[in-house]
C-alpha atoms as a PDB file:
ATOM      1  CA  UNK A   1     246.023   1.517 224.134  1.00  0.00           C
ATOM      2  CA  UNK A   2     245.006   3.086 220.778  1.00  0.00           C
ATOM      3  CA  UNK A   3     241.412   4.058 219.627  1.00  0.00           C
ATOM      4  CA  UNK A   4     240.643   0.559 218.114  1.00  0.00           C
ATOM      5  CA  UNK A   5     241.280  -1.100 221.370  1.00  0.00           C
ATOM      6  CA  UNK A   6     238.633   0.949 222.898  1.00  0.00           C
ATOM      7  CA  UNK A   7     236.257  -0.548 220.261  1.00  0.00           C
ATOM      8  CA  UNK A   8     233.284  -2.275 222.111  1.00  0.00           C
ATOM      9  CA  UNK A   9     234.075  -1.273 225.610  1.00  0.00           C
ATOM     10  CA  UNK A  10     231.143   1.046 225.709  1.00  0.00           C
ATOM     11  CA  UNK A  11     228.834  -1.825 224.634  1.00  0.00           C
ATOM     12  CA  UNK A  12     230.438  -4.103 227.044  1.00  0.00           C
ATOM     13  CA  UNK A  13     229.480  -1.768 229.606  1.00  0.00           C
ATOM     14  CA  UNK A  14     225.955  -0.987 228.482  1.00  0.00           C
ATOM     15  CA  UNK A  15     225.486  -4.968 228.321  1.00  0.00           C
ATOM     16  CA  UNK A  16     226.548  -5.100 231.923  1.00  0.00           C
ATOM     17  CA  UNK A  17     223.905  -2.377 232.866  1.00  0.00           C
ATOM     18  CA  UNK A  18     221.209  -4.115 231.111  1.00  0.00           C
ATOM     19  CA  UNK A  19     221.792  -7.373 233.052  1.00  0.00           C
ATOM     20  CA  UNK A  20     220.421  -8.297 236.433  1.00  0.00           C
ATOM     21  CA  UNK A  21     223.682  -9.655 237.589  1.00  0.00           C
ATOM     22  CA  UNK A  22     225.272  -6.051 237.043  1.00  0.00           C
ATOM     23  CA  UNK A  23     223.861  -4.831 240.416  1.00  0.00           C
ATOM     24  CA  UNK A  24     225.999  -7.263 241.955  1.00  0.00           C
ATOM     25  CA  UNK A  25     229.232  -5.500 241.121  1.00  0.00           C
ATOM     26  CA  UNK A  26     230.824  -3.546 243.448  1.00  0.00           C
ATOM     27  CA  UNK A  27     229.995   0.311 242.988  1.00  0.00           C
ATOM     28  CA  UNK A  28     227.127  -0.214 240.585  1.00  0.00           C
ATOM     29  CA  UNK A  29     224.935   1.406 243.160  1.00  0.00           C
ATOM     30  CA  UNK A  30     226.813   4.612 242.562  1.00  0.00           C
ATOM     31  CA  UNK A  31     227.180   4.705 238.830  1.00  0.00           C
ATOM     32  CA  UNK A  32     224.203   2.790 237.881  1.00  0.00           C
ATOM     33  CA  UNK A  33     226.166   1.568 234.858  1.00  0.00           C
ATOM     34  CA  UNK A  34     225.397   4.937 232.890  1.00  0.00           C
ATOM     35  CA  UNK A  35     228.162   6.463 230.656  1.00  0.00           C
ATOM     36  CA  UNK A  36     228.219  10.058 229.707  1.00  0.00           C
ATOM     37  CA  UNK A  37     228.397  10.814 226.073  1.00  0.00           C
ATOM     38  CA  UNK A  38     231.858  10.937 224.522  1.00  0.00           C
ATOM     39  CA  UNK A  39     233.503  14.131 224.170  1.00  0.00           C
ATOM     40  CA  UNK A  40     233.973  15.695 220.539  1.00  0.00           C
ATOM     41  CA  UNK A  41     237.416  16.491 219.391  1.00  0.00           C
ATOM     42  CA  UNK A  42     236.644  20.281 219.724  1.00  0.00           C
ATOM     43  CA  UNK A  43     235.397  19.900 223.277  1.00  0.00           C
ATOM     44  CA  UNK A  44     238.714  17.620 224.241  1.00  0.00           C
ATOM     45  CA  UNK A  45     240.978  20.379 222.700  1.00  0.00           C
ATOM     46  CA  UNK A  46     239.136  23.117 224.569  1.00  0.00           C
ATOM     47  CA  UNK A  47     239.499  21.180 227.915  1.00  0.00           C
ATOM     48  CA  UNK A  48     243.043  20.545 227.399  1.00  0.00           C
ATOM     49  CA  UNK A  49     243.682  24.167 226.432  1.00  0.00           C
ATOM     50  CA  UNK A  50     241.867  25.436 229.653  1.00  0.00           C
ATOM     51  CA  UNK A  51     243.731  22.783 231.736  1.00  0.00           C
ATOM     52  CA  UNK A  52     247.225  23.780 229.979  1.00  0.00           C
ATOM     53  CA  UNK A  53     248.162  19.848 229.624  1.00  0.00           C
ATOM     54  CA  UNK A  54     247.864  17.241 226.999  1.00  0.00           C
ATOM     55  CA  UNK A  55     246.121  14.464 228.648  1.00  0.00           C
ATOM     56  CA  UNK A  56     247.490  10.797 228.296  1.00  0.00           C
ATOM     57  CA  UNK A  57     246.609   9.114 225.018  1.00  0.00           C
ATOM     58  CA  UNK A  58     244.416   6.290 226.608  1.00  0.00           C
ATOM     59  CA  UNK A  59     242.487   8.521 228.522  1.00  0.00           C
ATOM     60  CA  UNK A  60     242.071  11.030 225.533  1.00  0.00           C
ATOM     61  CA  UNK A  61     240.973   7.933 223.401  1.00  0.00           C
ATOM     62  CA  UNK A  62     238.485   6.858 226.471  1.00  0.00           C
ATOM     63  CA  UNK A  63     237.060  10.309 226.373  1.00  0.00           C
ATOM     64  CA  UNK A  64     236.436  10.262 222.524  1.00  0.00           C
ATOM     65  CA  UNK A  65     235.419   6.603 222.186  1.00  0.00           C
ATOM     66  CA  UNK A  66     233.702   5.370 225.550  1.00  0.00           C
ATOM     67  CA  UNK A  67     232.433   8.389 227.393  1.00  0.00           C
ATOM     68  CA  UNK A  68     233.322  11.597 229.562  1.00  0.00           C
ATOM     69  CA  UNK A  69     232.895   9.478 232.569  1.00  0.00           C
ATOM     70  CA  UNK A  70     230.350   7.079 234.419  1.00  0.00           C
ATOM     71  CA  UNK A  71     230.460   3.287 235.090  1.00  0.00           C
ATOM     72  CA  UNK A  72     234.015   2.179 235.938  1.00  0.00           C
ATOM     73  CA  UNK A  73     235.966   1.268 238.979  1.00  0.00           C
ATOM     74  CA  UNK A  74     234.996   2.021 242.324  1.00  0.00           C
ATOM     75  CA  UNK A  75     231.834   4.204 242.118  1.00  0.00           C
ATOM     76  CA  UNK A  76     232.608   5.085 238.706  1.00  0.00           C
ATOM     77  CA  UNK A  77     235.001   7.454 236.519  1.00  0.00           C
ATOM     78  CA  UNK A  78     234.384  11.090 237.601  1.00  0.00           C
ATOM     79  CA  UNK A  79     232.839  12.604 234.673  1.00  0.00           C
ATOM     80  CA  UNK A  80     234.411  15.851 232.925  1.00  0.00           C
ATOM     81  CA  UNK A  81     231.924  18.712 232.346  1.00  0.00           C
ATOM     82  CA  UNK A  82     231.859  22.132 231.099  1.00  0.00           C
ATOM     83  CA  UNK A  83     230.128  24.439 233.805  1.00  0.00           C
ATOM     84  CA  UNK A  84     229.485  28.033 232.929  1.00  0.00           C
ATOM     85  CA  UNK A  85     232.325  27.552 230.364  1.00  0.00           C
ATOM     86  CA  UNK A  86     234.950  25.966 232.401  1.00  0.00           C
ATOM     87  CA  UNK A  87     235.837  22.410 232.334  1.00  0.00           C
ATOM     88  CA  UNK A  88     236.031  20.404 235.511  1.00  0.00           C
ATOM     89  CA  UNK A  89     235.828  16.728 236.814  1.00  0.00           C
ATOM     90  CA  UNK A  90     233.054  16.231 239.329  1.00  0.00           C
ATOM     91  CA  UNK A  91     232.769  13.680 241.977  1.00  0.00           C
ATOM     92  CA  UNK A  92     233.309  12.788 245.637  1.00  0.00           C
ATOM     93  CA  UNK A  93     236.712  14.768 246.352  1.00  0.00           C
ATOM     94  CA  UNK A  94     237.196  16.084 242.841  1.00  0.00           C
ATOM     95  CA  UNK A  95     237.889  19.530 244.438  1.00  0.00           C
ATOM     96  CA  UNK A  96     241.201  18.026 246.185  1.00  0.00           C
ATOM     97  CA  UNK A  97     242.827  18.471 242.686  1.00  0.00           C
ATOM     98  CA  UNK A  98     244.151  21.663 241.727  1.00  0.00           C
ATOM     99  CA  UNK A  99     243.277  21.919 238.180  1.00  0.00           C
ATOM    100  CA  UNK A 100     245.519  25.155 237.667  1.00  0.00           C
ATOM    101  CA  UNK A 101     248.446  22.946 238.278  1.00  0.00           C
ATOM    102  CA  UNK A 102     248.002  19.943 236.128  1.00  0.00           C
ATOM    103  CA  UNK A 103     251.192  20.881 234.033  1.00  0.00           C
ATOM    104  CA  UNK A 104     253.339  20.513 237.123  1.00  0.00           C
ATOM    105  CA  UNK A 105     255.298  17.143 237.596  1.00  0.00           C
ATOM    106  CA  UNK A 106     253.377  14.677 239.910  1.00  0.00           C
ATOM    107  CA  UNK A 107     255.724  14.546 243.035  1.00  0.00           C
ATOM    108  CA  UNK A 108     257.879  11.262 243.599  1.00  0.00           C
ATOM    109  CA  UNK A 109     256.675  11.022 247.274  1.00  0.00           C
ATOM    110  CA  UNK A 110     254.764  12.710 249.740  1.00  0.00           C
ATOM    111  CA  UNK A 111     255.297  13.596 253.476  1.00  0.00           C
ATOM    112  CA  UNK A 112     258.799  13.176 255.097  1.00  0.00           C
ATOM    113  CA  UNK A 113     258.279   9.570 257.015  1.00  0.00           C
ATOM    114  CA  UNK A 114     260.019  11.068 259.957  1.00  0.00           C
ATOM    115  CA  UNK A 115     257.886  14.011 260.283  1.00  0.00           C
ATOM    116  CA  UNK A 116     254.971  11.798 259.957  1.00  0.00           C
ATOM    117  CA  UNK A 117     256.507   9.406 262.937  1.00  0.00           C
ATOM    118  CA  UNK A 118     256.958  12.544 265.130  1.00  0.00           C
ATOM    119  CA  UNK A 119     253.339  13.846 264.572  1.00  0.00           C
ATOM    120  CA  UNK A 120     251.895  10.128 265.362  1.00  0.00           C
ATOM    121  CA  UNK A 121     254.017  10.056 268.588  1.00  0.00           C
ATOM    122  CA  UNK A 122     252.420  13.365 269.588  1.00  0.00           C
ATOM    123  CA  UNK A 123     248.630  12.420 268.943  1.00  0.00           C
ATOM    124  CA  UNK A 124     246.830  13.355 272.104  1.00  0.00           C
ATOM    125  CA  UNK A 125     245.733  10.637 274.343  1.00  0.00           C
ATOM    126  CA  UNK A 126     242.346  10.943 276.009  1.00  0.00           C
ATOM    127  CA  UNK A 127     243.463   9.396 279.342  1.00  0.00           C
ATOM    128  CA  UNK A 128     246.086  12.409 279.668  1.00  0.00           C
ATOM    129  CA  UNK A 129     243.279  14.884 279.956  1.00  0.00           C
ATOM    130  CA  UNK A 130     240.980  15.702 282.840  1.00  0.00           C
ATOM    131  CA  UNK A 131     238.163  17.305 280.862  1.00  0.00           C
ATOM    132  CA  UNK A 132     237.041  15.754 277.668  1.00  0.00           C
ATOM    133  CA  UNK A 133     236.723  19.317 276.054  1.00  0.00           C
ATOM    134  CA  UNK A 134     240.520  19.839 276.669  1.00  0.00           C
ATOM    135  CA  UNK A 135     241.138  16.336 274.767  1.00  0.00           C
ATOM    136  CA  UNK A 136     238.822  17.619 271.864  1.00  0.00           C
ATOM    137  CA  UNK A 137     240.549  20.825 271.670  1.00  0.00           C
ATOM    138  CA  UNK A 138     244.064  19.102 271.413  1.00  0.00           C
ATOM    139  CA  UNK A 139     242.926  16.517 269.059  1.00  0.00           C
ATOM    140  CA  UNK A 140     241.305  18.908 266.830  1.00  0.00           C
ATOM    141  CA  UNK A 141     244.758  21.068 266.842  1.00  0.00           C
ATOM    142  CA  UNK A 142     246.766  17.683 266.101  1.00  0.00           C
ATOM    143  CA  UNK A 143     244.213  16.906 263.183  1.00  0.00           C
ATOM    144  CA  UNK A 144     245.152  20.189 261.751  1.00  0.00           C
ATOM    145  CA  UNK A 145     248.765  19.540 261.846  1.00  0.00           C
ATOM    146  CA  UNK A 146     248.102  16.050 260.480  1.00  0.00           C
ATOM    147  CA  UNK A 147     245.901  17.129 257.793  1.00  0.00           C
ATOM    148  CA  UNK A 148     248.491  19.818 256.787  1.00  0.00           C
ATOM    149  CA  UNK A 149     251.256  17.342 256.162  1.00  0.00           C
ATOM    150  CA  UNK A 150     249.093  14.580 254.562  1.00  0.00           C
ATOM    151  CA  UNK A 151     246.828  16.652 252.447  1.00  0.00           C
ATOM    152  CA  UNK A 152     249.702  19.192 251.272  1.00  0.00           C
ATOM    153  CA  UNK A 153     248.267  20.475 247.994  1.00  0.00           C
ATOM    154  CA  UNK A 154     251.871  20.189 246.461  1.00  0.00           C
ATOM    155  CA  UNK A 155     251.508  16.229 247.011  1.00  0.00           C
ATOM    156  CA  UNK A 156     248.861  16.019 244.205  1.00  0.00           C
ATOM    157  CA  UNK A 157     249.978  18.742 241.473  1.00  0.00           C
ATOM    158  CA  UNK A 158     250.054  17.212 237.950  1.00  0.00           C
ATOM    159  CA  UNK A 159     247.158  14.738 238.773  1.00  0.00           C
ATOM    160  CA  UNK A 160     243.329  14.903 239.072  1.00  0.00           C
ATOM    161  CA  UNK A 161     240.916  12.366 241.273  1.00  0.00           C
ATOM    162  CA  UNK A 162     239.468  10.254 238.820  1.00  0.00           C
ATOM    163  CA  UNK A 163     237.267   7.812 241.214  1.00  0.00           C
ATOM    164  CA  UNK A 164     236.339   7.101 244.688  1.00  0.00           C
ATOM    165  CA  UNK A 165     236.153   3.833 246.486  1.00  0.00           C
ATOM    166  CA  UNK A 166     234.157   4.592 249.370  1.00  0.00           C
ATOM    167  CA  UNK A 167     235.231   5.617 252.960  1.00  0.00           C
ATOM    168  CA  UNK A 168     237.228   8.674 251.455  1.00  0.00           C
ATOM    169  CA  UNK A 169     239.452   6.257 249.464  1.00  0.00           C
ATOM    170  CA  UNK A 170     240.132   7.528 245.972  1.00  0.00           C
ATOM    171  CA  UNK A 171     242.151   6.912 242.925  1.00  0.00           C
ATOM    172  CA  UNK A 172     244.159   9.722 240.879  1.00  0.00           C
ATOM    173  CA  UNK A 173     245.129   9.923 237.175  1.00  0.00           C
ATOM    174  CA  UNK A 174     248.664  11.472 236.736  1.00  0.00           C
ATOM    175  CA  UNK A 175     248.936  13.540 233.814  1.00  0.00           C
ATOM    176  CA  UNK A 176     252.212  15.109 234.331  1.00  0.00           C
ATOM    177  CA  UNK A 177     255.844  14.118 235.318  1.00  0.00           C
ATOM    178  CA  UNK A 178     257.628  10.859 235.179  1.00  0.00           C
ATOM    179  CA  UNK A 179     254.310   8.946 236.383  1.00  0.00           C
ATOM    180  CA  UNK A 180     252.351  10.529 233.554  1.00  0.00           C
ATOM    181  CA  UNK A 181     249.338   8.270 232.824  1.00  0.00           C
ATOM    182  CA  UNK A 182     249.387   6.141 235.741  1.00  0.00           C
ATOM    183  CA  UNK A 183     246.598   5.542 238.669  1.00  0.00           C
ATOM    184  CA  UNK A 184     247.501   6.149 242.076  1.00  0.00           C
ATOM    185  CA  UNK A 185     245.478   4.994 244.969  1.00  0.00           C
ATOM    186  CA  UNK A 186     244.794   7.309 247.682  1.00  0.00           C
ATOM    187  CA  UNK A 187     244.464   5.763 251.022  1.00  0.00           C
ATOM    188  CA  UNK A 188     245.407   9.066 253.168  1.00  0.00           C
ATOM    189  CA  UNK A 189     241.938   8.691 255.183  1.00  0.00           C
ATOM    190  CA  UNK A 190     243.883   5.342 256.552  1.00  0.00           C
ATOM    191  CA  UNK A 191     246.851   7.262 257.221  1.00  0.00           C
ATOM    192  CA  UNK A 192     249.009   6.292 254.308  1.00  0.00           C
ATOM    193  CA  UNK A 193     250.620   8.082 251.383  1.00  0.00           C
ATOM    194  CA  UNK A 194     249.532   7.811 247.992  1.00  0.00           C
ATOM    195  CA  UNK A 195     250.811   4.975 246.164  1.00  0.00           C
ATOM    196  CA  UNK A 196     250.751   3.539 242.591  1.00  0.00           C
ATOM    197  CA  UNK A 197     248.358   0.685 241.480  1.00  0.00           C
ATOM    198  CA  UNK A 198     250.722  -2.104 240.504  1.00  0.00           C
ATOM    199  CA  UNK A 199     250.508  -5.303 238.260  1.00  0.00           C
ATOM    200  CA  UNK A 200     251.521  -8.629 239.646  1.00  0.00           C
ATOM    201  CA  UNK A 201     254.701  -8.093 237.992  1.00  0.00           C
ATOM    202  CA  UNK A 202     255.334  -4.802 239.860  1.00  0.00           C
ATOM    203  CA  UNK A 203     254.704  -2.611 236.713  1.00  0.00           C
ATOM    204  CA  UNK A 204     252.544   0.398 237.389  1.00  0.00           C
ATOM    205  CA  UNK A 205     248.758   0.239 235.878  1.00  0.00           C
ATOM    206  CA  UNK A 206     247.829   2.901 233.494  1.00  0.00           C
ATOM    207  CA  UNK A 207     244.395   4.447 232.751  1.00  0.00           C
ATOM    208  CA  UNK A 208     243.404   1.836 229.958  1.00  0.00           C
ATOM    209  CA  UNK A 209     244.577  -1.179 232.112  1.00  0.00           C
ATOM    210  CA  UNK A 210     243.003   0.003 235.298  1.00  0.00           C
ATOM    211  CA  UNK A 211     239.491   0.617 233.483  1.00  0.00           C
ATOM    212  CA  UNK A 212     239.815  -2.612 231.248  1.00  0.00           C
ATOM    213  CA  UNK A 213     240.906  -4.716 234.210  1.00  0.00           C
ATOM    214  CA  UNK A 214     237.947  -3.567 235.994  1.00  0.00           C
ATOM    215  CA  UNK A 215     235.608  -4.358 233.048  1.00  0.00           C
ATOM    216  CA  UNK A 216     236.820  -7.959 232.733  1.00  0.00           C
ATOM    217  CA  UNK A 217     236.339  -8.520 236.611  1.00  0.00           C
ATOM    218  CA  UNK A 218     232.843  -6.867 236.536  1.00  0.00           C
ATOM    219  CA  UNK A 219     232.134  -9.367 233.630  1.00  0.00           C
ATOM    220  CA  UNK A 220     233.260 -12.168 235.491  1.00  0.00           C
ATOM    221  CA  UNK A 221     231.414 -11.123 238.722  1.00  0.00           C
ATOM    222  CA  UNK A 222     228.193 -10.740 236.783  1.00  0.00           C
ATOM    223  CA  UNK A 223     228.645 -14.359 235.172  1.00  0.00           C
ATOM    224  CA  UNK A 224     229.046 -15.959 238.767  1.00  0.00           C
ATOM    225  CA  UNK A 225     226.122 -18.088 239.930  1.00  0.00           C
ATOM    226  CA  UNK A 226     223.631 -15.997 242.051  1.00  0.00           C
END
């Protein structure tokens, strides 16, 4: 998606925000239809220099033409801001991304399925314990092992969290490696590995198609009879 294809997108978002029907769109209670101001070219260059990575073209154009975050899919696109001289994305779960490793290729897959199967089989059952405190301790220890496998920082190098869908479900934008430019679902809170958003034909969803697809659906929802 080139720069010109973002033309009018900010105005369309603002129109939804000024419509009483816009409040019925999922996530509007979070982003309130507010868009951050776009970045300038100098700011974008500084951001990429600090991250040691060139962001995907459609996302770069979004930052320059539409906004540095705000109204968007889920509870909104996490805004990128300069805090005490350093750039970072802000939002629920944004800290899960290691911004110092954005230049590393995003992995093809996550934890070994056999390892997860073994861990699942070892999950403590309350009826196997005489005391609730013993069960709680065993469950806490098991949770630590499960989280170490599912939330290994190596799983998400080359990507950052772009949005939050509620209930600890998030989306990531991949910026390095073969999947560069695509958006991935993070449903690990529901005990499933990250997976790419896909179109009906099975092709991966890019940032531009993810955002504009949301915008078209939001406009359709706002037009529905109340």
